[in-house]
Amino acid sequence: MDLRILSKPAIVTGICLIILGAALSYSDKIPFLGKLPGDIHIKKENFTFYFPFAACVLLSIVISVVLWLIRKR
């Protein structure tokens, strides 16, 4: 098996992981993340549930567009 076939996907995966790590490191400095209108936040006496639904949909759209642009080449 020729390992050169795996080199480009490995590099792209590594770059994506670096970008994801940087985004998670600085996520508290991104003002709109976690406060989008579609996020689910339930707070009761001894229980708090938070699911960033809108953020997940937005992230999915961004990733889909990036992957579509990469495959279009």
PDB file of N, CA and C in Angstrom:
ATOM      1  N   MET A   1       0.846  -1.186   0.000  1.00  0.00           N
ATOM      2  CA  MET A   1       0.000   0.000   0.000  1.00  0.00           C
ATOM      3  C   MET A   1       0.882   1.236   0.000  1.00  0.00           C
ATOM      4  N   ASP A   2       0.528   2.171  -0.817  1.00  0.00           N
ATOM      5  CA  ASP A   2       1.288   3.399  -0.928  1.00  0.00           C
ATOM      6  C   ASP A   2       0.806   4.388   0.132  1.00  0.00           C
ATOM      7  N   LEU A   3       1.682   4.814   1.011  1.00  0.00           N
ATOM      8  CA  LEU A   3       1.301   5.710   2.103  1.00  0.00           C
ATOM      9  C   LEU A   3       1.078   7.143   1.640  1.00  0.00           C
ATOM     10  N   ARG A   4       1.487   7.472   0.431  1.00  0.00           N
ATOM     11  CA  ARG A   4       1.252   8.828  -0.082  1.00  0.00           C
ATOM     12  C   ARG A   4      -0.228   9.098  -0.263  1.00  0.00           C
ATOM     13  N   ILE A   5      -1.023   8.056  -0.416  1.00  0.00           N
ATOM     14  CA  ILE A   5      -2.475   8.213  -0.554  1.00  0.00           C
ATOM     15  C   ILE A   5      -3.063   8.779   0.731  1.00  0.00           C
ATOM     16  N   LEU A   6      -2.497   8.399   1.864  1.00  0.00           N
ATOM     17  CA  LEU A   6      -3.022   8.838   3.155  1.00  0.00           C
ATOM     18  C   LEU A   6      -2.448  10.171   3.623  1.00  0.00           C
ATOM     19  N   SER A   7      -1.454  10.692   2.941  1.00  0.00           N
ATOM     20  CA  SER A   7      -0.792  11.891   3.441  1.00  0.00           C
ATOM     21  C   SER A   7      -1.684  13.128   3.384  1.00  0.00           C
ATOM     22  N   LYS A   8      -2.376  13.365   2.282  1.00  0.00           N
ATOM     23  CA  LYS A   8      -3.224  14.555   2.162  1.00  0.00           C
ATOM     24  C   LYS A   8      -4.380  14.532   3.168  1.00  0.00           C
ATOM     25  N   PRO A   9      -5.140  13.422   3.291  1.00  0.00           N
ATOM     26  CA  PRO A   9      -6.203  13.404   4.310  1.00  0.00           C
ATOM     27  C   PRO A   9      -5.659  13.552   5.732  1.00  0.00           C
ATOM     28  N   ALA A  10      -4.471  13.010   5.994  1.00  0.00           N
ATOM     29  CA  ALA A  10      -3.895  13.139   7.331  1.00  0.00           C
ATOM     30  C   ALA A  10      -3.530  14.593   7.625  1.00  0.00           C
ATOM     31  N   ILE A  11      -2.999  15.282   6.641  1.00  0.00           N
ATOM     32  CA  ILE A  11      -2.651  16.697   6.829  1.00  0.00           C
ATOM     33  C   ILE A  11      -3.902  17.536   7.022  1.00  0.00           C
ATOM     34  N   VAL A  12      -4.926  17.301   6.218  1.00  0.00           N
ATOM     35  CA  VAL A  12      -6.183  18.053   6.350  1.00  0.00           C
ATOM     36  C   VAL A  12      -6.823  17.778   7.707  1.00  0.00           C
ATOM     37  N   THR A  13      -6.812  16.529   8.147  1.00  0.00           N
ATOM     38  CA  THR A  13      -7.364  16.184   9.456  1.00  0.00           C
ATOM     39  C   THR A  13      -6.595  16.877  10.571  1.00  0.00           C
ATOM     40  N   GLY A  14      -5.279  16.899  10.458  1.00  0.00           N
ATOM     41  CA  GLY A  14      -4.457  17.574  11.460  1.00  0.00           C
ATOM     42  C   GLY A  14      -4.732  19.064  11.528  1.00  0.00           C
ATOM     43  N   ILE A  15      -4.863  19.699  10.377  1.00  0.00           N
ATOM     44  CA  ILE A  15      -5.165  21.138  10.351  1.00  0.00           C
ATOM     45  C   ILE A  15      -6.543  21.402  10.952  1.00  0.00           C
ATOM     46  N   CYS A  16      -7.509  20.551  10.624  1.00  0.00           N
ATOM     47  CA  CYS A  16      -8.856  20.710  11.198  1.00  0.00           C
ATOM     48  C   CYS A  16      -8.833  20.548  12.716  1.00  0.00           C
ATOM     49  N   LEU A  17      -8.060  19.602  13.221  1.00  0.00           N
ATOM     50  CA  LEU A  17      -7.959  19.409  14.665  1.00  0.00           C
ATOM     51  C   LEU A  17      -7.279  20.597  15.350  1.00  0.00           C
ATOM     52  N   ILE A  18      -6.289  21.180  14.697  1.00  0.00           N
ATOM     53  CA  ILE A  18      -5.636  22.369  15.256  1.00  0.00           C
ATOM     54  C   ILE A  18      -6.617  23.529  15.313  1.00  0.00           C
ATOM     55  N   ILE A  19      -7.384  23.728  14.255  1.00  0.00           N
ATOM     56  CA  ILE A  19      -8.380  24.808  14.236  1.00  0.00           C
ATOM     57  C   ILE A  19      -9.450  24.561  15.287  1.00  0.00           C
ATOM     58  N   LEU A  20      -9.907  23.320  15.408  1.00  0.00           N
ATOM     59  CA  LEU A  20     -10.910  22.987  16.417  1.00  0.00           C
ATOM     60  C   LEU A  20     -10.370  23.211  17.827  1.00  0.00           C
ATOM     61  N   GLY A  21      -9.129  22.815  18.066  1.00  0.00           N
ATOM     62  CA  GLY A  21      -8.518  23.030  19.378  1.00  0.00           C
ATOM     63  C   GLY A  21      -8.386  24.509  19.709  1.00  0.00           C
ATOM     64  N   ALA A  22      -7.986  25.313  18.728  1.00  0.00           N
ATOM     65  CA  ALA A  22      -7.881  26.757  18.951  1.00  0.00           C
ATOM     66  C   ALA A  22      -9.252  27.367  19.209  1.00  0.00           C
ATOM     67  N   ALA A  23     -10.260  26.913  18.470  1.00  0.00           N
ATOM     68  CA  ALA A  23     -11.613  27.427  18.672  1.00  0.00           C
ATOM     69  C   ALA A  23     -12.136  27.077  20.063  1.00  0.00           C
ATOM     70  N   LEU A  24     -11.855  25.863  20.530  1.00  0.00           N
ATOM     71  CA  LEU A  24     -12.299  25.479  21.862  1.00  0.00           C
ATOM     72  C   LEU A  24     -11.535  26.222  22.950  1.00  0.00           C
ATOM     73  N   SER A  25     -10.274  26.515  22.703  1.00  0.00           N
ATOM     74  CA  SER A  25      -9.467  27.245  23.683  1.00  0.00           C
ATOM     75  C   SER A  25      -9.955  28.681  23.866  1.00  0.00           C
ATOM     76  N   TYR A  26     -10.395  29.280  22.767  1.00  0.00           N
ATOM     77  CA  TYR A  26     -10.821  30.676  22.814  1.00  0.00           C
ATOM     78  C   TYR A  26     -12.333  30.827  22.716  1.00  0.00           C
ATOM     79  N   SER A  27     -13.083  29.760  22.973  1.00  0.00           N
ATOM     80  CA  SER A  27     -14.536  29.814  22.826  1.00  0.00           C
ATOM     81  C   SER A  27     -15.196  30.778  23.809  1.00  0.00           C
ATOM     82  N   ASP A  28     -14.583  31.000  24.966  1.00  0.00           N
ATOM     83  CA  ASP A  28     -15.182  31.939  25.916  1.00  0.00           C
ATOM     84  C   ASP A  28     -15.038  33.381  25.447  1.00  0.00           C
ATOM     85  N   LYS A  29     -14.156  33.635  24.502  1.00  0.00           N
ATOM     86  CA  LYS A  29     -13.966  34.979  23.978  1.00  0.00           C
ATOM     87  C   LYS A  29     -14.831  35.263  22.750  1.00  0.00           C
ATOM     88  N   ILE A  30     -15.518  34.239  22.230  1.00  0.00           N
ATOM     89  CA  ILE A  30     -16.432  34.422  21.107  1.00  0.00           C
ATOM     90  C   ILE A  30     -17.791  34.783  21.701  1.00  0.00           C
ATOM     91  N   PRO A  31     -18.260  36.017  21.509  1.00  0.00           N
ATOM     92  CA  PRO A  31     -19.433  36.493  22.250  1.00  0.00           C
ATOM     93  C   PRO A  31     -20.753  35.798  21.915  1.00  0.00           C
ATOM     94  N   PHE A  32     -20.984  35.424  20.656  1.00  0.00           N
ATOM     95  CA  PHE A  32     -22.279  34.863  20.292  1.00  0.00           C
ATOM     96  C   PHE A  32     -22.381  33.368  20.526  1.00  0.00           C
ATOM     97  N   LEU A  33     -21.271  32.682  20.730  1.00  0.00           N
ATOM     98  CA  LEU A  33     -21.291  31.236  20.880  1.00  0.00           C
ATOM     99  C   LEU A  33     -21.842  30.861  22.258  1.00  0.00           C
ATOM    100  N   GLY A  34     -22.874  30.050  22.278  1.00  0.00           N
ATOM    101  CA  GLY A  34     -23.489  29.633  23.523  1.00  0.00           C
ATOM    102  C   GLY A  34     -24.673  30.481  23.943  1.00  0.00           C
ATOM    103  N   LYS A  35     -24.953  31.517  23.186  1.00  0.00           N
ATOM    104  CA  LYS A  35     -26.089  32.380  23.508  1.00  0.00           C
ATOM    105  C   LYS A  35     -26.963  32.592  22.286  1.00  0.00           C
ATOM    106  N   LEU A  36     -27.013  31.607  21.417  1.00  0.00           N
ATOM    107  CA  LEU A  36     -27.833  31.713  20.224  1.00  0.00           C
ATOM    108  C   LEU A  36     -29.291  31.463  20.575  1.00  0.00           C
ATOM    109  N   PRO A  37     -30.212  32.005  19.780  1.00  0.00           N
ATOM    110  CA  PRO A  37     -31.642  31.877  20.099  1.00  0.00           C
ATOM    111  C   PRO A  37     -32.167  30.445  20.172  1.00  0.00           C
ATOM    112  N   GLY A  38     -31.595  29.500  19.448  1.00  0.00           N
ATOM    113  CA  GLY A  38     -32.111  28.140  19.447  1.00  0.00           C
ATOM    114  C   GLY A  38     -31.510  27.225  20.489  1.00  0.00           C
ATOM    115  N   ASP A  39     -30.608  27.734  21.317  1.00  0.00           N
ATOM    116  CA  ASP A  39     -29.983  26.904  22.348  1.00  0.00           C
ATOM    117  C   ASP A  39     -30.979  26.583  23.455  1.00  0.00           C
ATOM    118  N   ILE A  40     -30.925  25.363  23.939  1.00  0.00           N
ATOM    119  CA  ILE A  40     -31.853  24.908  24.976  1.00  0.00           C
ATOM    120  C   ILE A  40     -31.172  25.042  26.334  1.00  0.00           C
ATOM    121  N   HIS A  41     -31.817  25.757  27.230  1.00  0.00           N
ATOM    122  CA  HIS A  41     -31.270  25.963  28.573  1.00  0.00           C
ATOM    123  C   HIS A  41     -32.403  25.800  29.588  1.00  0.00           C
ATOM    124  N   ILE A  42     -32.315  24.749  30.398  1.00  0.00           N
ATOM    125  CA  ILE A  42     -33.327  24.472  31.419  1.00  0.00           C
ATOM    126  C   ILE A  42     -32.652  24.564  32.774  1.00  0.00           C
ATOM    127  N   LYS A  43     -33.181  25.401  33.627  1.00  0.00           N
ATOM    128  CA  LYS A  43     -32.600  25.582  34.961  1.00  0.00           C
ATOM    129  C   LYS A  43     -33.702  25.383  36.000  1.00  0.00           C
ATOM    130  N   LYS A  44     -33.471  24.432  36.898  1.00  0.00           N
ATOM    131  CA  LYS A  44     -34.397  24.187  38.010  1.00  0.00           C
ATOM    132  C   LYS A  44     -33.600  24.282  39.300  1.00  0.00           C
ATOM    133  N   GLU A  45     -34.191  23.887  40.400  1.00  0.00           N
ATOM    134  CA  GLU A  45     -33.545  24.033  41.710  1.00  0.00           C
ATOM    135  C   GLU A  45     -32.160  23.374  41.756  1.00  0.00           C
ATOM    136  N   ASN A  46     -32.115  22.071  41.577  1.00  0.00           N
ATOM    137  CA  ASN A  46     -30.856  21.333  41.693  1.00  0.00           C
ATOM    138  C   ASN A  46     -30.378  20.777  40.351  1.00  0.00           C
ATOM    139  N   PHE A  47     -30.898  21.320  39.279  1.00  0.00           N
ATOM    140  CA  PHE A  47     -30.628  20.732  37.965  1.00  0.00           C
ATOM    141  C   PHE A  47     -30.477  21.821  36.923  1.00  0.00           C
ATOM    142  N   THR A  48     -29.445  21.697  36.127  1.00  0.00           N
ATOM    143  CA  THR A  48     -29.245  22.607  35.001  1.00  0.00           C
ATOM    144  C   THR A  48     -28.902  21.777  33.779  1.00  0.00           C
ATOM    145  N   PHE A  49     -29.637  22.027  32.701  1.00  0.00           N
ATOM    146  CA  PHE A  49     -29.399  21.323  31.444  1.00  0.00           C
ATOM    147  C   PHE A  49     -29.201  22.356  30.355  1.00  0.00           C
ATOM    148  N   TYR A  50     -28.119  22.193  29.598  1.00  0.00           N
ATOM    149  CA  TYR A  50     -27.832  23.111  28.516  1.00  0.00           C
ATOM    150  C   TYR A  50     -27.424  22.313  27.294  1.00  0.00           C
ATOM    151  N   PHE A  51     -28.102  22.549  26.176  1.00  0.00           N
ATOM    152  CA  PHE A  51     -27.741  21.916  24.910  1.00  0.00           C
ATOM    153  C   PHE A  51     -27.695  22.984  23.839  1.00  0.00           C
ATOM    154  N   PRO A  52     -26.521  23.229  23.276  1.00  0.00           N
ATOM    155  CA  PRO A  52     -26.387  24.286  22.262  1.00  0.00           C
ATOM    156  C   PRO A  52     -26.875  23.819  20.892  1.00  0.00           C
ATOM    157  N   PHE A  53     -28.181  23.680  20.744  1.00  0.00           N
ATOM    158  CA  PHE A  53     -28.769  23.158  19.511  1.00  0.00           C
ATOM    159  C   PHE A  53     -28.458  24.048  18.314  1.00  0.00           C
ATOM    160  N   ALA A  54     -28.671  25.336  18.442  1.00  0.00           N
ATOM    161  CA  ALA A  54     -28.420  26.261  17.334  1.00  0.00           C
ATOM    162  C   ALA A  54     -26.931  26.301  16.974  1.00  0.00           C
ATOM    163  N   ALA A  55     -26.080  26.238  17.981  1.00  0.00           N
ATOM    164  CA  ALA A  55     -24.642  26.233  17.720  1.00  0.00           C
ATOM    165  C   ALA A  55     -24.240  24.959  16.981  1.00  0.00           C
ATOM    166  N   CYS A  56     -24.846  23.828  17.317  1.00  0.00           N
ATOM    167  CA  CYS A  56     -24.553  22.573  16.623  1.00  0.00           C
ATOM    168  C   CYS A  56     -24.992  22.632  15.163  1.00  0.00           C
ATOM    169  N   VAL A  57     -26.168  23.195  14.914  1.00  0.00           N
ATOM    170  CA  VAL A  57     -26.653  23.325  13.540  1.00  0.00           C
ATOM    171  C   VAL A  57     -25.745  24.263  12.751  1.00  0.00           C
ATOM    172  N   LEU A  58     -25.368  25.386  13.347  1.00  0.00           N
ATOM    173  CA  LEU A  58     -24.479  26.338  12.684  1.00  0.00           C
ATOM    174  C   LEU A  58     -23.125  25.708  12.382  1.00  0.00           C
ATOM    175  N   LEU A  59     -22.573  24.984  13.325  1.00  0.00           N
ATOM    176  CA  LEU A  59     -21.293  24.306  13.130  1.00  0.00           C
ATOM    177  C   LEU A  59     -21.399  23.243  12.042  1.00  0.00           C
ATOM    178  N   SER A  60     -22.497  22.525  11.998  1.00  0.00           N
ATOM    179  CA  SER A  60     -22.709  21.511  10.976  1.00  0.00           C
ATOM    180  C   SER A  60     -22.763  22.135   9.587  1.00  0.00           C
ATOM    181  N   ILE A  61     -23.425  23.270   9.471  1.00  0.00           N
ATOM    182  CA  ILE A  61     -23.506  23.960   8.183  1.00  0.00           C
ATOM    183  C   ILE A  61     -22.124  24.434   7.741  1.00  0.00           C
ATOM    184  N   VAL A  62     -21.365  25.005   8.659  1.00  0.00           N
ATOM    185  CA  VAL A  62     -20.021  25.491   8.327  1.00  0.00           C
ATOM    186  C   VAL A  62     -19.123  24.341   7.886  1.00  0.00           C
ATOM    187  N   ILE A  63     -19.142  23.250   8.624  1.00  0.00           N
ATOM    188  CA  ILE A  63     -18.314  22.095   8.266  1.00  0.00           C
ATOM    189  C   ILE A  63     -18.743  21.515   6.925  1.00  0.00           C
ATOM    190  N   SER A  64     -20.043  21.453   6.665  1.00  0.00           N
ATOM    191  CA  SER A  64     -20.537  20.935   5.387  1.00  0.00           C
ATOM    192  C   SER A  64     -20.076  21.798   4.218  1.00  0.00           C
ATOM    193  N   VAL A  65     -20.132  23.107   4.385  1.00  0.00           N
ATOM    194  CA  VAL A  65     -19.692  24.015   3.315  1.00  0.00           C
ATOM    195  C   VAL A  65     -18.191  23.876   3.077  1.00  0.00           C
ATOM    196  N   VAL A  66     -17.410  23.798   4.146  1.00  0.00           N
ATOM    197  CA  VAL A  66     -15.956  23.644   3.995  1.00  0.00           C
ATOM    198  C   VAL A  66     -15.625  22.338   3.290  1.00  0.00           C
ATOM    199  N   LEU A  67     -16.254  21.246   3.687  1.00  0.00           N
ATOM    200  CA  LEU A  67     -15.997  19.959   3.039  1.00  0.00           C
ATOM    201  C   LEU A  67     -16.457  19.960   1.589  1.00  0.00           C
ATOM    202  N   TRP A  68     -17.566  20.626   1.286  1.00  0.00           N
ATOM    203  CA  TRP A  68     -18.049  20.735  -0.079  1.00  0.00           C
ATOM    204  C   TRP A  68     -17.052  21.512  -0.939  1.00  0.00           C
ATOM    205  N   LEU A  69     -16.484  22.588  -0.379  1.00  0.00           N
ATOM    206  CA  LEU A  69     -15.493  23.366  -1.109  1.00  0.00           C
ATOM    207  C   LEU A  69     -14.222  22.575  -1.352  1.00  0.00           C
ATOM    208  N   ILE A  70     -13.830  21.763  -0.372  1.00  0.00           N
ATOM    209  CA  ILE A  70     -12.627  20.941  -0.532  1.00  0.00           C
ATOM    210  C   ILE A  70     -12.858  19.873  -1.616  1.00  0.00           C
ATOM    211  N   ARG A  71     -14.011  19.252  -1.622  1.00  0.00           N
ATOM    212  CA  ARG A  71     -14.292  18.197  -2.599  1.00  0.00           C
ATOM    213  C   ARG A  71     -14.530  18.747  -3.994  1.00  0.00           C
ATOM    214  N   LYS A  72     -14.953  20.008  -4.084  1.00  0.00           N
ATOM    215  CA  LYS A  72     -15.256  20.614  -5.378  1.00  0.00           C
ATOM    216  C   LYS A  72     -13.995  20.761  -6.228  1.00  0.00           C
ATOM    217  N   ARG A  73     -12.863  20.904  -5.608  1.00  0.00           N
ATOM    218  CA  ARG A  73     -11.604  21.057  -6.348  1.00  0.00           C
ATOM    219  C   ARG A  73     -11.371  19.877  -7.169  1.00  0.00           C
TER     220      ARG A  73
END
